[in-house]
Structures are given as C-alpha cells and as structure tokens.
Amino acid sequence: METQTEEFIKLIDQSVEIAEQMRHESEHSQRLNNVISVLQSVKNQTVLGELEASGGKSTLGLAREVSDWIEPLDAPLLKAVGAVEEYYQKHF
C-alpha cells in the first residue's frame, strides 16, 4: 500500500508530465514553466517534510492559476492539478 506522500508525489508527477507535454505545443509556455516550477517546489517540500499543512482549508493555488488561462476548462492539466489540490486538502 502506498503512503499518502507517495500518492501525492505521483499526482504531482502526472501534472508535471502533462504540463511538459503541453509546453511544446502551447502559446502559454511561460505559464506552463511557472506551473511546472511550483509543482516541483511542492514535490521537494513534500519529500523534505516541509510542506505546510492545509488544515483542510488552504490550497496550493495551482487550480486557480491554471483555470485563469487554460482552455477548455476540462483540459487534462486542470484536472490533474485539481487532483493535486484535492489530495493536498484531504490528506495534508
């Protein structure tokens, strides 16, 4: 059975992979670079045990950031970062 941290990192890695794929075919490459950077920072904080607890209320701000510019709103990246946000709020 995977730990919560392992599952969270897996969700982050999936989001990074989607963003990296999109970066090559999108006019939003700088925004995608920012999302990738934030995801990698969250992953590093998680691995080091330094990620702030959400208390069930705080978010990472990823879904809000991505939803500001991504189209369509059911894009795989938005779903992926939404899953990261949801997992963070429920388990951290």
N, C-alpha and C. Protein backbone atom coordinates (compact mmCIF):
# COMPACT_ATOMS: atom_id res chain seq x y z
N MET A 1 0.83 -1.18 0.00
CA MET A 1 0.00 0.00 0.00
C MET A 1 0.88 1.25 0.00
N GLU A 2 0.52 2.21 -0.81
CA GLU A 2 1.30 3.44 -0.92
C GLU A 2 0.99 4.37 0.25
N THR A 3 1.99 5.11 0.63
CA THR A 3 1.76 6.12 1.66
C THR A 3 1.09 7.33 1.04
N GLN A 4 0.57 8.19 1.88
CA GLN A 4 -0.07 9.41 1.38
C GLN A 4 0.94 10.26 0.62
N THR A 5 2.16 10.30 1.12
CA THR A 5 3.20 11.09 0.46
C THR A 5 3.49 10.54 -0.92
N GLU A 6 3.62 9.23 -1.04
CA GLU A 6 3.90 8.61 -2.34
C GLU A 6 2.78 8.88 -3.34
N GLU A 7 1.55 8.78 -2.88
CA GLU A 7 0.40 9.04 -3.75
C GLU A 7 0.38 10.51 -4.18
N PHE A 8 0.66 11.40 -3.26
CA PHE A 8 0.69 12.83 -3.56
C PHE A 8 1.78 13.14 -4.60
N ILE A 9 2.95 12.57 -4.42
CA ILE A 9 4.05 12.78 -5.36
C ILE A 9 3.70 12.23 -6.73
N LYS A 10 3.00 11.12 -6.76
CA LYS A 10 2.58 10.54 -8.04
C LYS A 10 1.63 11.49 -8.77
N LEU A 11 0.71 12.11 -8.05
CA LEU A 11 -0.21 13.08 -8.65
C LEU A 11 0.55 14.31 -9.16
N ILE A 12 1.54 14.75 -8.40
CA ILE A 12 2.36 15.88 -8.84
C ILE A 12 3.12 15.52 -10.11
N ASP A 13 3.74 14.35 -10.12
CA ASP A 13 4.50 13.91 -11.29
C ASP A 13 3.62 13.82 -12.54
N GLN A 14 2.39 13.35 -12.38
CA GLN A 14 1.46 13.28 -13.51
C GLN A 14 1.15 14.68 -14.04
N SER A 15 0.96 15.62 -13.15
CA SER A 15 0.69 17.00 -13.55
C SER A 15 1.87 17.61 -14.28
N VAL A 16 3.07 17.36 -13.78
CA VAL A 16 4.28 17.88 -14.43
C VAL A 16 4.41 17.29 -15.83
N GLU A 17 4.15 16.00 -15.95
CA GLU A 17 4.26 15.34 -17.25
C GLU A 17 3.29 15.95 -18.27
N ILE A 18 2.06 16.20 -17.85
CA ILE A 18 1.07 16.81 -18.74
C ILE A 18 1.51 18.22 -19.13
N ALA A 19 1.98 18.99 -18.16
CA ALA A 19 2.42 20.37 -18.43
C ALA A 19 3.61 20.39 -19.38
N GLU A 20 4.54 19.47 -19.20
CA GLU A 20 5.71 19.41 -20.08
C GLU A 20 5.31 19.06 -21.51
N GLN A 21 4.35 18.17 -21.66
CA GLN A 21 3.86 17.82 -23.00
C GLN A 21 3.19 19.02 -23.65
N MET A 22 2.42 19.76 -22.88
CA MET A 22 1.70 20.92 -23.41
C MET A 22 2.65 22.06 -23.76
N ARG A 23 3.74 22.17 -23.04
CA ARG A 23 4.67 23.28 -23.20
C ARG A 23 5.19 23.39 -24.64
N HIS A 24 5.33 22.26 -25.30
CA HIS A 24 5.88 22.24 -26.66
C HIS A 24 4.87 22.66 -27.72
N GLU A 25 3.60 22.66 -27.38
CA GLU A 25 2.58 22.97 -28.37
C GLU A 25 1.61 24.06 -27.90
N SER A 26 2.07 24.92 -27.04
CA SER A 26 1.18 25.93 -26.47
C SER A 26 1.81 27.31 -26.51
N GLU A 27 0.95 28.30 -26.67
CA GLU A 27 1.42 29.68 -26.61
C GLU A 27 1.60 30.13 -25.16
N HIS A 28 1.26 29.29 -24.23
CA HIS A 28 1.36 29.60 -22.80
C HIS A 28 2.59 28.96 -22.17
N SER A 29 3.68 28.87 -22.91
CA SER A 29 4.85 28.14 -22.41
C SER A 29 5.41 28.76 -21.12
N GLN A 30 5.39 30.07 -20.98
CA GLN A 30 5.90 30.69 -19.75
C GLN A 30 5.00 30.34 -18.56
N ARG A 31 3.71 30.36 -18.77
CA ARG A 31 2.79 29.99 -17.69
C ARG A 31 2.97 28.52 -17.31
N LEU A 32 3.17 27.69 -18.32
CA LEU A 32 3.40 26.27 -18.06
C LEU A 32 4.72 26.07 -17.31
N ASN A 33 5.73 26.84 -17.67
CA ASN A 33 7.00 26.78 -16.93
C ASN A 33 6.79 27.14 -15.46
N ASN A 34 5.97 28.14 -15.21
CA ASN A 34 5.67 28.54 -13.83
C ASN A 34 4.95 27.44 -13.07
N VAL A 35 3.97 26.81 -13.72
CA VAL A 35 3.22 25.72 -13.08
C VAL A 35 4.17 24.56 -12.76
N ILE A 36 5.02 24.22 -13.71
CA ILE A 36 5.99 23.13 -13.50
C ILE A 36 6.91 23.47 -12.34
N SER A 37 7.37 24.70 -12.28
CA SER A 37 8.25 25.13 -11.20
C SER A 37 7.58 25.01 -9.84
N VAL A 38 6.33 25.45 -9.76
CA VAL A 38 5.59 25.37 -8.49
C VAL A 38 5.37 23.91 -8.10
N LEU A 39 4.99 23.08 -9.07
CA LEU A 39 4.77 21.66 -8.78
C LEU A 39 6.06 21.00 -8.27
N GLN A 40 7.17 21.31 -8.89
CA GLN A 40 8.45 20.74 -8.46
C GLN A 40 8.83 21.23 -7.07
N SER A 41 8.52 22.49 -6.77
CA SER A 41 8.78 23.03 -5.44
C SER A 41 7.93 22.32 -4.39
N VAL A 42 6.66 22.11 -4.69
CA VAL A 42 5.76 21.41 -3.77
C VAL A 42 6.26 19.99 -3.55
N LYS A 43 6.69 19.35 -4.63
CA LYS A 43 7.23 17.98 -4.51
C LYS A 43 8.45 17.96 -3.59
N ASN A 44 9.37 18.90 -3.80
CA ASN A 44 10.58 18.96 -2.97
C ASN A 44 10.22 19.21 -1.50
N GLN A 45 9.29 20.12 -1.25
CA GLN A 45 8.87 20.39 0.13
C GLN A 45 8.24 19.15 0.75
N THR A 46 7.48 18.41 -0.04
CA THR A 46 6.83 17.20 0.45
C THR A 46 7.87 16.15 0.82
N VAL A 47 8.83 15.94 -0.07
CA VAL A 47 9.88 14.94 0.17
C VAL A 47 10.69 15.30 1.43
N LEU A 48 10.95 16.58 1.62
CA LEU A 48 11.73 17.03 2.78
C LEU A 48 10.89 17.15 4.05
N GLY A 49 9.58 16.93 3.94
CA GLY A 49 8.70 17.05 5.09
C GLY A 49 8.45 18.49 5.50
N GLU A 50 8.60 19.42 4.57
CA GLU A 50 8.47 20.84 4.87
C GLU A 50 7.20 21.48 4.31
N LEU A 51 6.32 20.68 3.73
CA LEU A 51 5.09 21.23 3.16
C LEU A 51 4.14 21.64 4.28
N GLU A 52 3.68 22.88 4.20
CA GLU A 52 2.74 23.36 5.22
C GLU A 52 1.45 22.58 5.15
N ALA A 53 0.87 22.30 6.29
CA ALA A 53 -0.40 21.60 6.35
C ALA A 53 -1.52 22.50 5.84
N SER A 54 -2.46 21.92 5.14
CA SER A 54 -3.57 22.71 4.62
C SER A 54 -4.65 22.93 5.66
N GLY A 55 -4.73 22.04 6.63
CA GLY A 55 -5.79 22.13 7.62
C GLY A 55 -7.16 21.96 7.00
N GLY A 56 -7.19 21.38 5.79
CA GLY A 56 -8.45 21.19 5.09
C GLY A 56 -9.00 22.45 4.46
N LYS A 57 -8.25 23.55 4.58
CA LYS A 57 -8.74 24.83 4.06
C LYS A 57 -7.81 25.46 3.04
N SER A 58 -6.53 25.44 3.31
CA SER A 58 -5.57 26.07 2.41
C SER A 58 -5.45 25.29 1.11
N THR A 59 -5.12 26.03 0.06
CA THR A 59 -4.86 25.39 -1.23
C THR A 59 -3.45 25.76 -1.67
N LEU A 60 -3.01 25.14 -2.73
CA LEU A 60 -1.70 25.46 -3.30
C LEU A 60 -1.82 26.57 -4.33
N GLY A 61 -3.03 26.90 -4.75
CA GLY A 61 -3.27 27.94 -5.74
C GLY A 61 -3.07 27.50 -7.18
N LEU A 62 -2.77 26.24 -7.38
CA LEU A 62 -2.49 25.74 -8.73
C LEU A 62 -3.72 25.74 -9.62
N ALA A 63 -4.82 25.21 -9.12
CA ALA A 63 -6.03 25.12 -9.94
C ALA A 63 -6.52 26.51 -10.34
N ARG A 64 -6.45 27.44 -9.42
CA ARG A 64 -6.88 28.81 -9.71
C ARG A 64 -5.99 29.42 -10.79
N GLU A 65 -4.69 29.24 -10.65
CA GLU A 65 -3.74 29.78 -11.63
C GLU A 65 -3.98 29.20 -13.01
N VAL A 66 -4.11 27.89 -13.09
CA VAL A 66 -4.29 27.24 -14.39
C VAL A 66 -5.63 27.60 -15.00
N SER A 67 -6.67 27.68 -14.19
CA SER A 67 -8.00 27.97 -14.73
C SER A 67 -8.10 29.39 -15.29
N ASP A 68 -7.19 30.27 -14.89
CA ASP A 68 -7.19 31.64 -15.40
C ASP A 68 -6.88 31.73 -16.89
N TRP A 69 -6.14 30.75 -17.42
CA TRP A 69 -5.70 30.87 -18.81
C TRP A 69 -5.94 29.63 -19.68
N ILE A 70 -6.25 28.51 -19.08
CA ILE A 70 -6.36 27.28 -19.87
C ILE A 70 -7.73 27.16 -20.51
N GLU A 71 -7.74 26.63 -21.70
CA GLU A 71 -8.98 26.31 -22.39
C GLU A 71 -8.80 24.99 -23.09
N PRO A 72 -9.80 24.16 -23.10
CA PRO A 72 -11.09 24.28 -22.42
C PRO A 72 -10.93 24.00 -20.93
N LEU A 73 -11.96 24.30 -20.18
CA LEU A 73 -11.89 24.15 -18.73
C LEU A 73 -11.92 22.70 -18.27
N ASP A 74 -12.08 21.76 -19.20
CA ASP A 74 -11.96 20.35 -18.84
C ASP A 74 -10.64 19.77 -19.35
N ALA A 75 -9.65 20.64 -19.54
CA ALA A 75 -8.34 20.24 -20.02
C ALA A 75 -7.67 19.27 -19.04
N PRO A 76 -6.90 18.33 -19.55
CA PRO A 76 -6.23 17.36 -18.67
C PRO A 76 -5.35 17.99 -17.60
N LEU A 77 -4.67 19.09 -17.92
CA LEU A 77 -3.81 19.72 -16.91
C LEU A 77 -4.63 20.28 -15.76
N LEU A 78 -5.75 20.89 -16.06
CA LEU A 78 -6.59 21.44 -15.00
C LEU A 78 -7.14 20.32 -14.12
N LYS A 79 -7.52 19.22 -14.72
CA LYS A 79 -7.98 18.07 -13.94
C LYS A 79 -6.86 17.52 -13.06
N ALA A 80 -5.65 17.46 -13.62
CA ALA A 80 -4.51 16.91 -12.88
C ALA A 80 -4.14 17.80 -11.69
N VAL A 81 -4.04 19.11 -11.90
CA VAL A 81 -3.70 19.98 -10.77
C VAL A 81 -4.86 20.06 -9.78
N GLY A 82 -6.08 19.89 -10.27
CA GLY A 82 -7.23 19.82 -9.36
C GLY A 82 -7.14 18.62 -8.44
N ALA A 83 -6.65 17.49 -8.99
CA ALA A 83 -6.47 16.28 -8.18
C ALA A 83 -5.37 16.49 -7.14
N VAL A 84 -4.31 17.21 -7.51
CA VAL A 84 -3.25 17.54 -6.55
C VAL A 84 -3.82 18.39 -5.42
N GLU A 85 -4.58 19.42 -5.79
CA GLU A 85 -5.18 20.31 -4.78
C GLU A 85 -6.11 19.53 -3.84
N GLU A 86 -6.96 18.71 -4.42
CA GLU A 86 -7.91 17.95 -3.61
C GLU A 86 -7.19 17.01 -2.64
N TYR A 87 -6.18 16.32 -3.13
CA TYR A 87 -5.43 15.40 -2.28
C TYR A 87 -4.72 16.17 -1.16
N TYR A 88 -4.16 17.30 -1.50
CA TYR A 88 -3.47 18.14 -0.50
C TYR A 88 -4.44 18.54 0.62
N GLN A 89 -5.62 18.99 0.24
CA GLN A 89 -6.59 19.44 1.25
C GLN A 89 -7.09 18.29 2.11
N LYS A 90 -7.25 17.12 1.53
CA LYS A 90 -7.79 15.99 2.29
C LYS A 90 -6.76 15.29 3.17
N HIS A 91 -5.49 15.29 2.74
CA HIS A 91 -4.51 14.43 3.39
C HIS A 91 -3.32 15.17 4.03
N PHE A 92 -3.25 16.47 3.84
CA PHE A 92 -2.10 17.20 4.42
C PHE A 92 -2.55 18.36 5.28
